[in-house]
Amino acid sequence: MSREKEDYRVNIEQLNRLFPEREMMTIQETMQILGYGSKNTVKKYLGAKIVNGRISKSALARYMCG
């Protein structure tokens, strides 16, 4: 069984506070959270996690941990 990353719970709580009503984030919201200026940058780093133009909060929180 793998261990969760150090700041995962802090990141997921922050995402839940910002977007409490949904489980999947749009690419535009992901750009806003990460501070990226391009959709291509999001697709470059998170492309495998994107499903129908959305990414789950848990995948985003894991990515934010580094």
PDB file of N, CA and C in Angstrom:
ATOM      1  N   MET A   1       0.837  -1.166   0.000  1.00  0.00           N
ATOM      2  CA  MET A   1       0.000   0.000   0.000  1.00  0.00           C
ATOM      3  C   MET A   1       0.892   1.242   0.000  1.00  0.00           C
ATOM      4  N   SER A   2       0.586   2.197  -0.872  1.00  0.00           N
ATOM      5  CA  SER A   2       1.414   3.386  -0.966  1.00  0.00           C
ATOM      6  C   SER A   2       0.979   4.440   0.053  1.00  0.00           C
ATOM      7  N   ARG A   3       1.936   5.269   0.412  1.00  0.00           N
ATOM      8  CA  ARG A   3       1.658   6.349   1.361  1.00  0.00           C
ATOM      9  C   ARG A   3       1.191   7.578   0.599  1.00  0.00           C
ATOM     10  N   GLU A   4       0.319   8.352   1.203  1.00  0.00           N
ATOM     11  CA  GLU A   4      -0.084   9.593   0.552  1.00  0.00           C
ATOM     12  C   GLU A   4       1.014  10.633   0.778  1.00  0.00           C
ATOM     13  N   LYS A   5       1.126  11.546  -0.149  1.00  0.00           N
ATOM     14  CA  LYS A   5       2.180  12.547  -0.073  1.00  0.00           C
ATOM     15  C   LYS A   5       1.922  13.513   1.079  1.00  0.00           C
ATOM     16  N   GLU A   6       2.981  14.178   1.503  1.00  0.00           N
ATOM     17  CA  GLU A   6       2.965  14.972   2.727  1.00  0.00           C
ATOM     18  C   GLU A   6       1.859  16.032   2.773  1.00  0.00           C
ATOM     19  N   ASP A   7       1.692  16.816   1.741  1.00  0.00           N
ATOM     20  CA  ASP A   7       0.722  17.909   1.750  1.00  0.00           C
ATOM     21  C   ASP A   7      -0.583  17.576   1.043  1.00  0.00           C
ATOM     22  N   TYR A   8      -0.824  16.319   0.766  1.00  0.00           N
ATOM     23  CA  TYR A   8      -2.014  15.936   0.015  1.00  0.00           C
ATOM     24  C   TYR A   8      -3.297  16.389   0.714  1.00  0.00           C
ATOM     25  N   ARG A   9      -3.424  16.101   1.994  1.00  0.00           N
ATOM     26  CA  ARG A   9      -4.663  16.444   2.715  1.00  0.00           C
ATOM     27  C   ARG A   9      -4.891  17.954   2.771  1.00  0.00           C
ATOM     28  N   VAL A  10      -3.829  18.719   2.939  1.00  0.00           N
ATOM     29  CA  VAL A  10      -3.943  20.182   2.949  1.00  0.00           C
ATOM     30  C   VAL A  10      -4.430  20.673   1.591  1.00  0.00           C
ATOM     31  N   ASN A  11      -3.860  20.115   0.523  1.00  0.00           N
ATOM     32  CA  ASN A  11      -4.247  20.515  -0.829  1.00  0.00           C
ATOM     33  C   ASN A  11      -5.688  20.135  -1.149  1.00  0.00           C
ATOM     34  N   ILE A  12      -6.104  18.941  -0.780  1.00  0.00           N
ATOM     35  CA  ILE A  12      -7.470  18.505  -1.073  1.00  0.00           C
ATOM     36  C   ILE A  12      -8.479  19.327  -0.259  1.00  0.00           C
ATOM     37  N   GLU A  13      -8.140  19.690   0.978  1.00  0.00           N
ATOM     38  CA  GLU A  13      -9.017  20.548   1.769  1.00  0.00           C
ATOM     39  C   GLU A  13      -9.156  21.927   1.133  1.00  0.00           C
ATOM     40  N   GLN A  14      -8.049  22.457   0.632  1.00  0.00           N
ATOM     41  CA  GLN A  14      -8.080  23.763  -0.035  1.00  0.00           C
ATOM     42  C   GLN A  14      -8.963  23.707  -1.284  1.00  0.00           C
ATOM     43  N   LEU A  15      -8.825  22.661  -2.080  1.00  0.00           N
ATOM     44  CA  LEU A  15      -9.648  22.510  -3.282  1.00  0.00           C
ATOM     45  C   LEU A  15     -11.124  22.336  -2.915  1.00  0.00           C
ATOM     46  N   ASN A  16     -11.401  21.589  -1.862  1.00  0.00           N
ATOM     47  CA  ASN A  16     -12.786  21.402  -1.415  1.00  0.00           C
ATOM     48  C   ASN A  16     -13.394  22.705  -0.907  1.00  0.00           C
ATOM     49  N   ARG A  17     -12.574  23.541  -0.286  1.00  0.00           N
ATOM     50  CA  ARG A  17     -13.067  24.829   0.195  1.00  0.00           C
ATOM     51  C   ARG A  17     -13.353  25.768  -0.975  1.00  0.00           C
ATOM     52  N   LEU A  18     -12.486  25.764  -1.983  1.00  0.00           N
ATOM     53  CA  LEU A  18     -12.672  26.638  -3.141  1.00  0.00           C
ATOM     54  C   LEU A  18     -13.810  26.175  -4.046  1.00  0.00           C
ATOM     55  N   PHE A  19     -13.940  24.864  -4.223  1.00  0.00           N
ATOM     56  CA  PHE A  19     -14.940  24.290  -5.130  1.00  0.00           C
ATOM     57  C   PHE A  19     -15.686  23.159  -4.426  1.00  0.00           C
ATOM     58  N   PRO A  20     -16.559  23.486  -3.466  1.00  0.00           N
ATOM     59  CA  PRO A  20     -17.201  22.440  -2.660  1.00  0.00           C
ATOM     60  C   PRO A  20     -18.242  21.621  -3.415  1.00  0.00           C
ATOM     61  N   GLU A  21     -18.798  22.147  -4.482  1.00  0.00           N
ATOM     62  CA  GLU A  21     -19.931  21.499  -5.139  1.00  0.00           C
ATOM     63  C   GLU A  21     -19.533  20.511  -6.227  1.00  0.00           C
ATOM     64  N   ARG A  22     -18.251  20.399  -6.535  1.00  0.00           N
ATOM     65  CA  ARG A  22     -17.875  19.491  -7.620  1.00  0.00           C
ATOM     66  C   ARG A  22     -16.648  18.657  -7.299  1.00  0.00           C
ATOM     67  N   GLU A  23     -16.524  17.559  -8.024  1.00  0.00           N
ATOM     68  CA  GLU A  23     -15.414  16.628  -7.833  1.00  0.00           C
ATOM     69  C   GLU A  23     -14.392  16.728  -8.970  1.00  0.00           C
ATOM     70  N   MET A  24     -14.822  17.214 -10.128  1.00  0.00           N
ATOM     71  CA  MET A  24     -13.938  17.347 -11.289  1.00  0.00           C
ATOM     72  C   MET A  24     -13.758  18.825 -11.622  1.00  0.00           C
ATOM     73  N   MET A  25     -12.517  19.212 -11.912  1.00  0.00           N
ATOM     74  CA  MET A  25     -12.188  20.601 -12.226  1.00  0.00           C
ATOM     75  C   MET A  25     -11.999  20.742 -13.736  1.00  0.00           C
ATOM     76  N   THR A  26     -12.381  21.903 -14.278  1.00  0.00           N
ATOM     77  CA  THR A  26     -12.143  22.161 -15.699  1.00  0.00           C
ATOM     78  C   THR A  26     -10.686  22.561 -15.887  1.00  0.00           C
ATOM     79  N   ILE A  27     -10.253  22.545 -17.124  1.00  0.00           N
ATOM     80  CA  ILE A  27      -8.878  22.953 -17.423  1.00  0.00           C
ATOM     81  C   ILE A  27      -8.683  24.420 -17.058  1.00  0.00           C
ATOM     82  N   GLN A  28      -9.690  25.247 -17.303  1.00  0.00           N
ATOM     83  CA  GLN A  28      -9.611  26.670 -16.971  1.00  0.00           C
ATOM     84  C   GLN A  28      -9.436  26.877 -15.463  1.00  0.00           C
ATOM     85  N   GLU A  29     -10.182  26.142 -14.647  1.00  0.00           N
ATOM     86  CA  GLU A  29     -10.045  26.236 -13.190  1.00  0.00           C
ATOM     87  C   GLU A  29      -8.670  25.742 -12.744  1.00  0.00           C
ATOM     88  N   THR A  30      -8.188  24.687 -13.382  1.00  0.00           N
ATOM     89  CA  THR A  30      -6.863  24.159 -13.069  1.00  0.00           C
ATOM     90  C   THR A  30      -5.786  25.186 -13.390  1.00  0.00           C
ATOM     91  N   MET A  31      -5.938  25.873 -14.513  1.00  0.00           N
ATOM     92  CA  MET A  31      -4.994  26.939 -14.873  1.00  0.00           C
ATOM     93  C   MET A  31      -4.991  28.026 -13.809  1.00  0.00           C
ATOM     94  N   GLN A  32      -6.160  28.382 -13.326  1.00  0.00           N
ATOM     95  CA  GLN A  32      -6.296  29.427 -12.320  1.00  0.00           C
ATOM     96  C   GLN A  32      -5.629  29.012 -11.002  1.00  0.00           C
ATOM     97  N   ILE A  33      -5.831  27.780 -10.584  1.00  0.00           N
ATOM     98  CA  ILE A  33      -5.283  27.287  -9.325  1.00  0.00           C
ATOM     99  C   ILE A  33      -3.765  27.192  -9.387  1.00  0.00           C
ATOM    100  N   LEU A  34      -3.244  26.645 -10.489  1.00  0.00           N
ATOM    101  CA  LEU A  34      -1.806  26.431 -10.609  1.00  0.00           C
ATOM    102  C   LEU A  34      -1.052  27.660 -11.094  1.00  0.00           C
ATOM    103  N   GLY A  35      -1.775  28.644 -11.610  1.00  0.00           N
ATOM    104  CA  GLY A  35      -1.121  29.852 -12.109  1.00  0.00           C
ATOM    105  C   GLY A  35      -0.532  29.690 -13.495  1.00  0.00           C
ATOM    106  N   TYR A  36      -1.004  28.702 -14.231  1.00  0.00           N
ATOM    107  CA  TYR A  36      -0.536  28.491 -15.599  1.00  0.00           C
ATOM    108  C   TYR A  36      -1.283  29.428 -16.538  1.00  0.00           C
ATOM    109  N   GLY A  37      -0.608  29.889 -17.591  1.00  0.00           N
ATOM    110  CA  GLY A  37      -1.214  30.814 -18.529  1.00  0.00           C
ATOM    111  C   GLY A  37      -1.695  30.158 -19.799  1.00  0.00           C
ATOM    112  N   SER A  38      -1.503  28.853 -19.931  1.00  0.00           N
ATOM    113  CA  SER A  38      -1.830  28.175 -21.177  1.00  0.00           C
ATOM    114  C   SER A  38      -2.457  26.810 -20.919  1.00  0.00           C
ATOM    115  N   LYS A  39      -3.441  26.482 -21.723  1.00  0.00           N
ATOM    116  CA  LYS A  39      -4.048  25.149 -21.637  1.00  0.00           C
ATOM    117  C   LYS A  39      -3.039  24.072 -22.014  1.00  0.00           C
ATOM    118  N   ASN A  40      -2.141  24.413 -22.917  1.00  0.00           N
ATOM    119  CA  ASN A  40      -1.133  23.447 -23.342  1.00  0.00           C
ATOM    120  C   ASN A  40      -0.207  23.056 -22.194  1.00  0.00           C
ATOM    121  N   THR A  41       0.077  23.981 -21.299  1.00  0.00           N
ATOM    122  CA  THR A  41       0.915  23.676 -20.140  1.00  0.00           C
ATOM    123  C   THR A  41       0.217  22.681 -19.230  1.00  0.00           C
ATOM    124  N   VAL A  42      -1.070  22.877 -19.013  1.00  0.00           N
ATOM    125  CA  VAL A  42      -1.845  21.940 -18.192  1.00  0.00           C
ATOM    126  C   VAL A  42      -1.839  20.570 -18.859  1.00  0.00           C
ATOM    127  N   LYS A  43      -2.069  20.534 -20.156  1.00  0.00           N
ATOM    128  CA  LYS A  43      -2.099  19.261 -20.874  1.00  0.00           C
ATOM    129  C   LYS A  43      -0.735  18.581 -20.876  1.00  0.00           C
ATOM    130  N   LYS A  44       0.338  19.367 -20.898  1.00  0.00           N
ATOM    131  CA  LYS A  44       1.688  18.814 -20.882  1.00  0.00           C
ATOM    132  C   LYS A  44       1.958  18.064 -19.581  1.00  0.00           C
ATOM    133  N   TYR A  45       1.607  18.672 -18.458  1.00  0.00           N
ATOM    134  CA  TYR A  45       1.914  18.083 -17.158  1.00  0.00           C
ATOM    135  C   TYR A  45       0.830  17.165 -16.612  1.00  0.00           C
ATOM    136  N   LEU A  46      -0.407  17.398 -16.963  1.00  0.00           N
ATOM    137  CA  LEU A  46      -1.512  16.621 -16.402  1.00  0.00           C
ATOM    138  C   LEU A  46      -2.327  15.895 -17.466  1.00  0.00           C
ATOM    139  N   GLY A  47      -1.820  15.806 -18.669  1.00  0.00           N
ATOM    140  CA  GLY A  47      -2.563  15.249 -19.787  1.00  0.00           C
ATOM    141  C   GLY A  47      -3.114  13.855 -19.558  1.00  0.00           C
ATOM    142  N   ALA A  48      -2.351  13.013 -18.891  1.00  0.00           N
ATOM    143  CA  ALA A  48      -2.808  11.642 -18.649  1.00  0.00           C
ATOM    144  C   ALA A  48      -3.960  11.591 -17.657  1.00  0.00           C
ATOM    145  N   LYS A  49      -4.115  12.628 -16.856  1.00  0.00           N
ATOM    146  CA  LYS A  49      -5.166  12.667 -15.830  1.00  0.00           C
ATOM    147  C   LYS A  49      -6.448  13.348 -16.311  1.00  0.00           C
ATOM    148  N   ILE A  50      -6.409  13.966 -17.492  1.00  0.00           N
ATOM    149  CA  ILE A  50      -7.562  14.696 -18.007  1.00  0.00           C
ATOM    150  C   ILE A  50      -8.535  13.736 -18.677  1.00  0.00           C
ATOM    151  N   VAL A  51      -9.801  13.810 -18.269  1.00  0.00           N
ATOM    152  CA  VAL A  51     -10.862  12.985 -18.831  1.00  0.00           C
ATOM    153  C   VAL A  51     -11.989  13.912 -19.279  1.00  0.00           C
ATOM    154  N   ASN A  52     -12.293  13.910 -20.567  1.00  0.00           N
ATOM    155  CA  ASN A  52     -13.345  14.769 -21.128  1.00  0.00           C
ATOM    156  C   ASN A  52     -13.170  16.236 -20.737  1.00  0.00           C
ATOM    157  N   GLY A  53     -11.938  16.712 -20.739  1.00  0.00           N
ATOM    158  CA  GLY A  53     -11.665  18.113 -20.451  1.00  0.00           C
ATOM    159  C   GLY A  53     -11.693  18.477 -18.980  1.00  0.00           C
ATOM    160  N   ARG A  54     -11.693  17.482 -18.115  1.00  0.00           N
ATOM    161  CA  ARG A  54     -11.734  17.742 -16.667  1.00  0.00           C
ATOM    162  C   ARG A  54     -10.700  16.879 -15.951  1.00  0.00           C
ATOM    163  N   ILE A  55     -10.315  17.330 -14.773  1.00  0.00           N
ATOM    164  CA  ILE A  55      -9.358  16.591 -13.945  1.00  0.00           C
ATOM    165  C   ILE A  55      -9.914  16.489 -12.528  1.00  0.00           C
ATOM    166  N   SER A  56      -9.731  15.345 -11.888  1.00  0.00           N
ATOM    167  CA  SER A  56     -10.284  15.152 -10.542  1.00  0.00           C
ATOM    168  C   SER A  56      -9.497  15.957  -9.509  1.00  0.00           C
ATOM    169  N   LYS A  57     -10.181  16.322  -8.434  1.00  0.00           N
ATOM    170  CA  LYS A  57      -9.529  17.064  -7.359  1.00  0.00           C
ATOM    171  C   LYS A  57      -8.387  16.258  -6.754  1.00  0.00           C
ATOM    172  N   SER A  58      -8.570  14.961  -6.607  1.00  0.00           N
ATOM    173  CA  SER A  58      -7.534  14.147  -5.984  1.00  0.00           C
ATOM    174  C   SER A  58      -6.274  14.088  -6.847  1.00  0.00           C
ATOM    175  N   ALA A  59      -6.429  13.991  -8.168  1.00  0.00           N
ATOM    176  CA  ALA A  59      -5.267  13.988  -9.055  1.00  0.00           C
ATOM    177  C   ALA A  59      -4.556  15.335  -9.016  1.00  0.00           C
ATOM    178  N   LEU A  60      -5.326  16.408  -8.965  1.00  0.00           N
ATOM    179  CA  LEU A  60      -4.748  17.738  -8.895  1.00  0.00           C
ATOM    180  C   LEU A  60      -4.015  17.948  -7.561  1.00  0.00           C
ATOM    181  N   ALA A  61      -4.606  17.480  -6.471  1.00  0.00           N
ATOM    182  CA  ALA A  61      -3.976  17.611  -5.161  1.00  0.00           C
ATOM    183  C   ALA A  61      -2.670  16.825  -5.122  1.00  0.00           C
ATOM    184  N   ARG A  62      -2.643  15.632  -5.713  1.00  0.00           N
ATOM    185  CA  ARG A  62      -1.410  14.837  -5.786  1.00  0.00           C
ATOM    186  C   ARG A  62      -0.341  15.567  -6.586  1.00  0.00           C
ATOM    187  N   TYR A  63      -0.739  16.158  -7.714  1.00  0.00           N
ATOM    188  CA  TYR A  63       0.215  16.899  -8.544  1.00  0.00           C
ATOM    189  C   TYR A  63       0.764  18.114  -7.797  1.00  0.00           C
ATOM    190  N   MET A  64      -0.075  18.776  -7.036  1.00  0.00           N
ATOM    191  CA  MET A  64       0.353  19.961  -6.293  1.00  0.00           C
ATOM    192  C   MET A  64       1.376  19.615  -5.198  1.00  0.00           C
ATOM    193  N   CYS A  65       1.420  18.372  -4.770  1.00  0.00           N
ATOM    194  CA  CYS A  65       2.380  17.940  -3.759  1.00  0.00           C
ATOM    195  C   CYS A  65       3.789  17.837  -4.311  1.00  0.00           C
ATOM    196  N   GLY A  66       3.899  17.694  -5.599  1.00  0.00           N
ATOM    197  CA  GLY A  66       5.227  17.635  -6.219  1.00  0.00           C
ATOM    198  C   GLY A  66       5.698  16.280  -6.585  1.00  0.00           C
TER     199      GLY A  66
END
